[in-house]
N, C-alpha and C. Protein backbone atom coordinates (compact mmCIF):
# COMPACT_ATOMS: atom_id res chain seq x y z
N MET A 1 19.80 49.32 107.65
CA MET A 1 21.25 49.49 108.29
C MET A 1 22.09 48.73 107.09
N ILE A 2 23.62 49.11 107.10
CA ILE A 2 24.11 49.05 106.34
C ILE A 2 25.35 48.39 106.82
N ASP A 3 25.94 46.88 106.45
CA ASP A 3 26.63 46.60 106.98
C ASP A 3 27.94 46.00 106.29
N LEU A 4 28.88 46.96 106.07
CA LEU A 4 30.13 46.82 105.34
C LEU A 4 30.82 45.25 105.44
N GLU A 5 30.88 44.85 106.11
CA GLU A 5 31.53 43.60 106.32
C GLU A 5 30.72 42.30 105.65
N ALA A 6 29.59 42.43 105.80
CA ALA A 6 29.05 41.41 104.87
C ALA A 6 28.49 41.74 103.99
N SER A 7 28.64 43.15 103.27
CA SER A 7 28.91 43.47 102.23
C SER A 7 29.90 43.22 101.12
N LEU A 8 30.87 43.23 102.11
CA LEU A 8 32.37 42.43 101.42
C LEU A 8 32.61 40.93 100.96
N SER A 9 31.86 40.74 102.29
CA SER A 9 31.60 38.83 102.53
C SER A 9 30.75 38.39 101.26
N ARG A 10 29.62 38.96 100.85
CA ARG A 10 28.96 38.47 100.03
C ARG A 10 29.46 38.84 98.29
N THR A 11 30.07 39.50 98.45
CA THR A 11 30.95 40.30 97.09
C THR A 11 31.57 39.30 96.82
N LEU A 12 32.36 38.63 97.63
CA LEU A 12 33.50 38.00 97.42
C LEU A 12 33.15 36.05 97.46
N ARG A 13 31.72 36.28 98.00
CA ARG A 13 31.47 35.01 98.03
C ARG A 13 30.56 34.54 96.40
N ALA A 14 30.31 35.75 95.98
CA ALA A 14 29.76 35.74 94.92
C ALA A 14 30.64 36.08 93.39
N ASP A 15 32.09 35.96 93.67
CA ASP A 15 32.57 36.09 92.61
C ASP A 15 32.97 34.87 91.94
N PRO A 16 32.99 34.81 90.76
CA PRO A 16 33.24 33.27 90.54
C PRO A 16 34.89 33.18 90.69
N ALA A 17 35.50 34.05 90.16
CA ALA A 17 37.33 33.85 90.40
C ALA A 17 37.63 33.69 91.96
N VAL A 18 36.86 34.03 92.84
CA VAL A 18 37.56 33.84 94.11
C VAL A 18 36.70 32.71 94.54
N VAL A 19 35.58 32.26 94.66
CA VAL A 19 34.64 31.03 94.26
C VAL A 19 35.85 30.00 94.12
N ALA A 20 36.37 30.01 93.01
CA ALA A 20 36.86 29.17 92.34
C ALA A 20 38.05 28.54 93.08
N VAL A 21 38.77 29.18 93.95
CA VAL A 21 39.80 29.38 94.92
C VAL A 21 39.63 29.27 96.34
N VAL A 22 38.68 29.28 96.39
CA VAL A 22 38.35 29.67 98.21
C VAL A 22 36.82 28.66 98.45
N GLY A 23 36.10 28.52 97.63
CA GLY A 23 34.84 28.12 97.70
C GLY A 23 33.83 29.12 98.47
N ASP A 24 33.59 28.53 99.58
CA ASP A 24 32.63 29.72 100.72
C ASP A 24 33.29 30.40 101.90
N ARG A 25 34.97 30.51 101.54
CA ARG A 25 35.82 30.78 102.73
C ARG A 25 36.04 31.70 102.98
N CYS A 26 35.33 33.11 102.69
CA CYS A 26 35.55 34.38 103.26
C CYS A 26 34.77 34.91 104.26
N TRP A 27 35.95 34.52 105.51
CA TRP A 27 35.63 34.65 106.55
C TRP A 27 35.47 36.10 107.35
N LEU A 28 34.42 36.36 108.65
CA LEU A 28 34.52 37.29 109.60
C LEU A 28 35.09 37.19 110.58
N THR A 29 35.02 36.15 110.97
CA THR A 29 35.68 35.79 112.07
C THR A 29 36.02 33.77 112.04
N MET A 30 37.73 34.21 112.52
CA MET A 30 38.49 32.83 112.00
C MET A 30 37.73 31.39 112.78
N PRO A 31 37.30 30.17 111.86
CA PRO A 31 36.90 29.24 112.33
C PRO A 31 37.94 28.70 113.28
N ARG A 32 37.32 27.44 114.14
CA ARG A 32 38.13 26.86 114.93
C ARG A 32 39.40 26.11 114.46
N ASN A 33 39.12 25.35 113.52
CA ASN A 33 39.75 24.40 112.57
C ASN A 33 39.44 24.98 111.15
N PRO A 34 40.48 25.86 111.09
CA PRO A 34 40.06 27.04 109.38
C PRO A 34 40.77 25.85 108.60
N THR A 35 40.18 25.75 107.04
CA THR A 35 40.59 25.23 105.89
C THR A 35 40.97 26.38 105.00
N PHE A 36 42.53 25.98 104.15
CA PHE A 36 42.91 27.07 103.17
C PHE A 36 42.88 26.15 101.79
N PRO A 37 42.61 26.94 101.09
CA PRO A 37 42.83 28.66 100.89
C PRO A 37 41.58 29.37 101.05
N ALA A 38 41.67 30.81 102.10
CA ALA A 38 40.48 31.42 102.24
C ALA A 38 41.12 33.04 102.58
N VAL A 39 39.79 33.58 102.72
CA VAL A 39 39.53 35.09 103.09
C VAL A 39 39.44 35.75 104.22
N MET A 40 40.43 36.21 105.18
CA MET A 40 39.73 36.51 106.71
C MET A 40 39.58 38.06 106.33
N ILE A 41 38.07 38.84 106.83
CA ILE A 41 37.99 39.87 106.33
C ILE A 41 38.05 40.40 107.96
N TYR A 42 39.19 42.07 107.76
CA TYR A 42 39.06 42.16 109.64
C TYR A 42 38.83 44.03 109.46
N ARG A 43 37.98 44.37 109.86
CA ARG A 43 37.98 46.20 109.85
C ARG A 43 38.80 46.34 110.84
N ILE A 44 39.75 47.34 110.44
CA ILE A 44 40.65 47.79 111.08
C ILE A 44 40.50 49.43 111.29
N ALA A 45 39.65 50.17 110.95
CA ALA A 45 38.93 51.75 111.47
C ALA A 45 38.20 52.05 110.20
N GLY A 46 37.51 52.92 110.42
CA GLY A 46 36.73 53.52 109.79
C GLY A 46 35.46 54.05 110.51
N ALA A 47 34.78 55.17 110.13
CA ALA A 47 33.37 55.34 110.92
C ALA A 47 32.35 54.83 110.46
N PRO A 48 31.22 54.84 111.99
CA PRO A 48 29.81 54.14 112.09
C PRO A 48 28.96 54.59 111.04
N THR A 49 28.02 54.28 110.65
CA THR A 49 26.88 54.67 110.08
C THR A 49 26.30 55.70 110.63
N GLN A 50 26.23 56.85 109.89
CA GLN A 50 25.41 58.12 109.97
C GLN A 50 24.13 58.49 109.29
N THR A 51 23.49 59.91 110.15
CA THR A 51 22.30 59.69 109.57
C THR A 51 22.75 61.39 109.43
N TRP A 52 21.66 61.49 108.12
CA TRP A 52 22.18 63.18 107.75
C TRP A 52 20.46 63.02 106.59
N GLN A 53 19.85 64.16 107.53
CA GLN A 53 18.51 64.49 106.36
C GLN A 53 17.51 63.34 106.46
N GLN A 54 17.40 62.97 107.42
CA GLN A 54 16.33 61.59 107.60
C GLN A 54 16.83 60.47 107.19
N ARG A 55 18.18 60.47 106.40
CA ARG A 55 18.84 59.70 105.68
C ARG A 55 20.25 58.56 106.17
N ILE A 56 19.87 57.07 106.07
CA ILE A 56 21.47 57.00 106.90
C ILE A 56 22.40 56.69 105.62
N VAL A 57 23.11 57.73 105.59
CA VAL A 57 24.37 57.72 104.38
C VAL A 57 25.78 57.29 104.71
N GLY A 58 26.27 57.00 106.12
CA GLY A 58 27.43 56.21 105.92
C GLY A 58 28.09 55.42 106.60
N ASP A 59 28.31 54.45 106.05
CA ASP A 59 29.34 53.47 106.30
C ASP A 59 30.71 53.53 105.99
N ASP A 60 31.69 53.84 106.90
CA ASP A 60 33.40 54.39 106.01
C ASP A 60 34.00 53.08 106.67
N GLY A 61 34.67 52.48 106.13
CA GLY A 61 36.07 51.53 107.33
C GLY A 61 37.10 51.27 106.27
N VAL A 62 37.75 51.25 106.60
CA VAL A 62 39.46 50.48 106.46
C VAL A 62 39.56 48.68 106.64
N PHE A 63 39.86 48.12 105.61
CA PHE A 63 39.64 46.60 106.06
C PHE A 63 41.14 46.42 105.56
N ASP A 64 41.53 45.03 106.37
CA ASP A 64 42.66 44.25 106.08
C ASP A 64 41.90 43.04 105.74
N LEU A 65 42.39 42.50 104.42
CA LEU A 65 41.74 41.28 103.49
C LEU A 65 43.57 40.15 103.58
N HIS A 66 42.94 39.17 104.95
CA HIS A 66 44.05 38.54 104.57
C HIS A 66 43.76 37.49 103.44
N CYS A 67 44.52 37.27 102.93
CA CYS A 67 44.43 35.86 101.42
C CYS A 67 45.63 35.00 101.89
N TYR A 68 44.96 33.87 102.57
CA TYR A 68 46.23 32.73 102.60
C TYR A 68 45.75 31.68 101.53
N GLY A 69 47.09 31.45 101.17
CA GLY A 69 46.83 30.39 99.80
C GLY A 69 48.10 29.54 99.95
N GLY A 70 48.32 28.27 99.54
CA GLY A 70 49.33 27.32 99.98
C GLY A 70 50.35 27.74 99.34
N SER A 71 50.67 28.55 98.67
CA SER A 71 52.37 29.20 97.79
C SER A 71 52.02 30.68 98.09
N ARG A 72 53.22 31.84 97.80
CA ARG A 72 53.16 32.55 97.82
C ARG A 72 52.47 32.95 96.43
N VAL A 73 53.13 32.53 95.43
CA VAL A 73 51.87 32.31 94.12
C VAL A 73 50.59 32.63 94.10
N ASP A 74 49.93 31.56 94.76
CA ASP A 74 48.89 31.50 94.93
C ASP A 74 47.80 31.85 95.96
N SER A 75 48.65 33.17 96.44
CA SER A 75 48.34 33.40 98.01
C SER A 75 48.14 34.74 97.08
N LEU A 76 49.33 35.47 96.05
CA LEU A 76 49.16 36.87 95.61
C LEU A 76 47.53 36.63 94.44
N GLY A 77 47.82 35.42 94.20
CA GLY A 77 46.79 35.19 93.27
C GLY A 77 45.59 35.80 93.84
N LEU A 78 45.37 35.07 94.89
CA LEU A 78 43.48 35.66 95.60
C LEU A 78 43.63 36.78 95.65
N ALA A 79 44.73 37.41 96.50
CA ALA A 79 44.78 38.62 96.49
C ALA A 79 44.11 39.38 95.34
N GLN A 80 44.66 39.34 94.60
CA GLN A 80 44.36 40.03 93.09
C GLN A 80 43.43 39.71 92.51
N ALA A 81 42.09 38.69 93.07
CA ALA A 81 41.31 38.49 92.47
C ALA A 81 40.36 38.61 93.40
N ALA A 82 40.59 38.62 94.88
CA ALA A 82 39.52 39.57 95.92
C ALA A 82 39.36 40.97 95.39
N MET A 83 40.77 41.62 95.44
CA MET A 83 41.05 43.13 94.51
C MET A 83 40.06 43.35 93.29
N ASN A 84 39.99 42.62 92.82
CA ASN A 84 39.32 42.72 91.56
C ASN A 84 38.08 42.36 91.65
N ALA A 85 37.46 41.82 92.15
CA ALA A 85 36.06 41.70 92.69
C ALA A 85 35.49 42.10 93.39
N LEU A 86 35.88 43.04 94.22
CA LEU A 86 35.46 44.17 95.27
C LEU A 86 35.87 45.58 94.32
N CYS A 87 36.50 45.68 93.58
CA CYS A 87 36.79 46.70 92.95
C CYS A 87 35.77 46.71 91.44
N GLY A 88 35.36 45.83 91.33
CA GLY A 88 34.19 45.57 89.83
C GLY A 88 32.93 45.85 90.54
N ALA A 89 32.70 45.95 92.20
CA ALA A 89 31.15 45.86 92.43
C ALA A 89 30.96 46.76 92.80
N SER A 90 30.66 48.01 91.95
CA SER A 90 30.55 49.27 92.67
C SER A 90 28.86 49.32 92.68
N HIS A 91 28.13 48.85 92.34
CA HIS A 91 26.63 48.26 92.74
C HIS A 91 26.70 47.58 94.12
N ALA A 92 27.49 47.52 94.73
CA ALA A 92 27.21 46.90 96.19
C ALA A 92 28.02 47.43 97.12
N VAL A 93 29.33 48.22 96.88
CA VAL A 93 30.20 48.35 97.79
C VAL A 93 30.99 49.59 97.06
N GLY A 94 31.82 50.32 97.32
CA GLY A 94 32.83 51.45 96.83
C GLY A 94 33.86 50.52 97.47
N VAL A 95 35.12 50.88 96.53
CA VAL A 95 36.36 50.08 97.28
C VAL A 95 37.33 51.09 96.74
N THR A 96 37.85 51.34 97.35
CA THR A 96 39.50 52.57 97.13
C THR A 96 40.78 51.32 97.45
N PRO A 97 41.79 50.63 97.22
CA PRO A 97 42.63 49.65 97.55
C PRO A 97 43.81 50.69 97.73
N TYR A 98 44.64 50.18 98.87
CA TYR A 98 45.62 50.98 99.05
C TYR A 98 47.16 49.92 99.21
N ASN A 99 47.42 49.37 99.87
CA ASN A 99 48.43 48.42 99.55
C ASN A 99 48.09 47.09 99.75
N VAL A 100 48.95 46.36 99.31
CA VAL A 100 49.02 45.38 99.50
C VAL A 100 50.25 44.17 99.86
N LEU A 101 50.47 43.78 100.77
CA LEU A 101 51.64 43.32 101.79
C LEU A 101 52.13 41.95 101.47
N HIS A 102 53.37 41.34 101.71
CA HIS A 102 52.95 39.74 101.78
C HIS A 102 53.83 39.55 103.03
N LEU A 103 52.90 38.94 103.86
CA LEU A 103 53.39 38.71 105.08
C LEU A 103 53.02 37.35 105.71
N PRO A 104 53.92 36.54 105.65
CA PRO A 104 53.71 34.81 105.93
C PRO A 104 53.26 34.79 107.08
N ASP A 105 52.16 34.03 107.52
CA ASP A 105 51.36 33.81 109.12
C ASP A 105 52.45 33.08 110.11
N SER A 106 53.36 32.74 110.93
CA SER A 106 53.60 32.62 111.67
C SER A 106 52.83 31.39 112.70
N ASP A 107 51.49 31.88 112.84
CA ASP A 107 50.64 31.50 113.56
C ASP A 107 49.75 30.47 113.37
N LEU A 108 49.75 30.68 111.84
CA LEU A 108 48.92 29.29 110.88
C LEU A 108 50.11 28.65 110.40
N PRO A 109 50.92 27.58 110.69
CA PRO A 109 51.89 27.26 109.79
C PRO A 109 51.15 26.14 108.87
N GLN A 110 51.70 25.59 108.05
CA GLN A 110 51.56 24.81 106.79
C GLN A 110 51.99 23.58 107.05
N GLU A 111 52.10 22.42 106.27
CA GLU A 111 52.69 21.68 106.25
C GLU A 111 54.20 21.61 106.16
N GLY A 112 55.05 20.67 106.73
CA GLY A 112 56.38 21.29 106.52
C GLY A 112 56.83 22.05 107.60
N GLY A 113 56.01 22.92 108.46
CA GLY A 113 56.02 24.02 109.49
C GLY A 113 56.46 25.28 108.96
N ARG A 114 56.66 25.24 107.59
CA ARG A 114 56.68 26.78 106.63
C ARG A 114 55.56 27.68 107.47
N ASP A 115 55.54 28.74 107.48
CA ASP A 115 54.85 30.18 107.97
C ASP A 115 53.46 29.63 106.68
N ARG A 116 52.66 29.99 106.85
CA ARG A 116 51.38 30.32 106.20
C ARG A 116 51.51 31.16 104.84
N GLU A 117 51.57 31.21 103.67
CA GLU A 117 51.69 32.51 102.69
C GLU A 117 50.20 32.91 102.82
N ARG A 118 50.51 34.47 103.01
CA ARG A 118 49.79 35.44 103.40
C ARG A 118 50.05 36.71 102.48
N TYR A 119 48.90 37.03 102.01
CA TYR A 119 48.83 38.58 101.27
C TYR A 119 47.77 39.45 101.90
N ILE A 120 48.21 40.33 102.05
CA ILE A 120 47.14 41.29 103.20
C ILE A 120 46.72 42.61 101.99
N VAL A 121 45.48 42.60 101.75
CA VAL A 121 45.40 43.72 100.68
C VAL A 121 44.25 44.92 101.52
N THR A 122 45.01 45.82 101.77
CA THR A 122 44.46 47.34 102.66
C THR A 122 43.38 47.85 101.81
N LEU A 123 42.66 47.83 102.04
CA LEU A 123 41.56 48.70 101.10
C LEU A 123 40.70 49.48 102.28
N ARG A 124 39.97 50.62 101.46
CA ARG A 124 38.73 51.64 102.07
C ARG A 124 37.54 51.27 101.29
N ALA A 125 36.66 50.61 102.23
CA ALA A 125 35.04 50.21 101.53
C ALA A 125 34.24 51.36 101.81
N PHE A 126 33.39 51.11 101.29
CA PHE A 126 32.24 52.94 101.35
C PHE A 126 30.70 52.16 101.20
N ALA A 127 29.62 52.91 101.29
CA ALA A 127 28.03 52.25 101.31
C ALA A 127 28.56 53.26 99.59
N SER A 128 28.04 51.98 99.02
CA SER A 128 27.26 52.35 97.37
C SER A 128 26.26 52.61 97.20
N HIS A 129 25.34 53.50 96.84
CA HIS A 129 23.96 53.86 96.40
C HIS A 129 23.15 52.82 97.32
N GLN A 130 23.73 53.10 98.56
CA GLN A 130 22.63 52.00 99.42
C GLN A 130 22.26 52.73 100.56
N GLU A 131 21.28 53.55 100.27
CA GLU A 131 20.90 54.53 101.13
C GLU A 131 19.10 54.67 101.79
N ALA A 132 18.73 54.57 103.08
CA ALA A 132 17.98 54.17 103.39
C ALA A 132 17.12 55.19 103.98
N THR A 133 16.12 55.13 104.01
CA THR A 133 14.98 56.60 104.73
C THR A 133 14.78 55.93 106.15
N LEU A 134 15.15 56.77 107.36
CA LEU A 134 14.65 56.35 108.45
C LEU A 134 13.05 56.48 108.74
């Protein structure tokens, strides 16, 4: 079975540019006491795995990557590093980026009470050369 969320997380955790900023903080669920900078991976739409001619052929999803940093510039740099890592990992997952949105998060305030800086990368991800026989 193909697990796109896990593939995205593994790819980000293996990329030196992303790891240099977030370490292993590429999450599928927000921890109780999060530490930043970090990347949250949310699946917002998509088709489930499909079978066709005795093969598992499809996981296809639309994802939002919430890239949290200390400053706007740091958050944007993290968003760009995450996109570069995923777009360059065609052996693991195929990715088509859609947009990047600057949307500070008022639910996770920073020191001083400011909204936490966040860029949201929306992308389509799909299984890449990962077919399995039933």
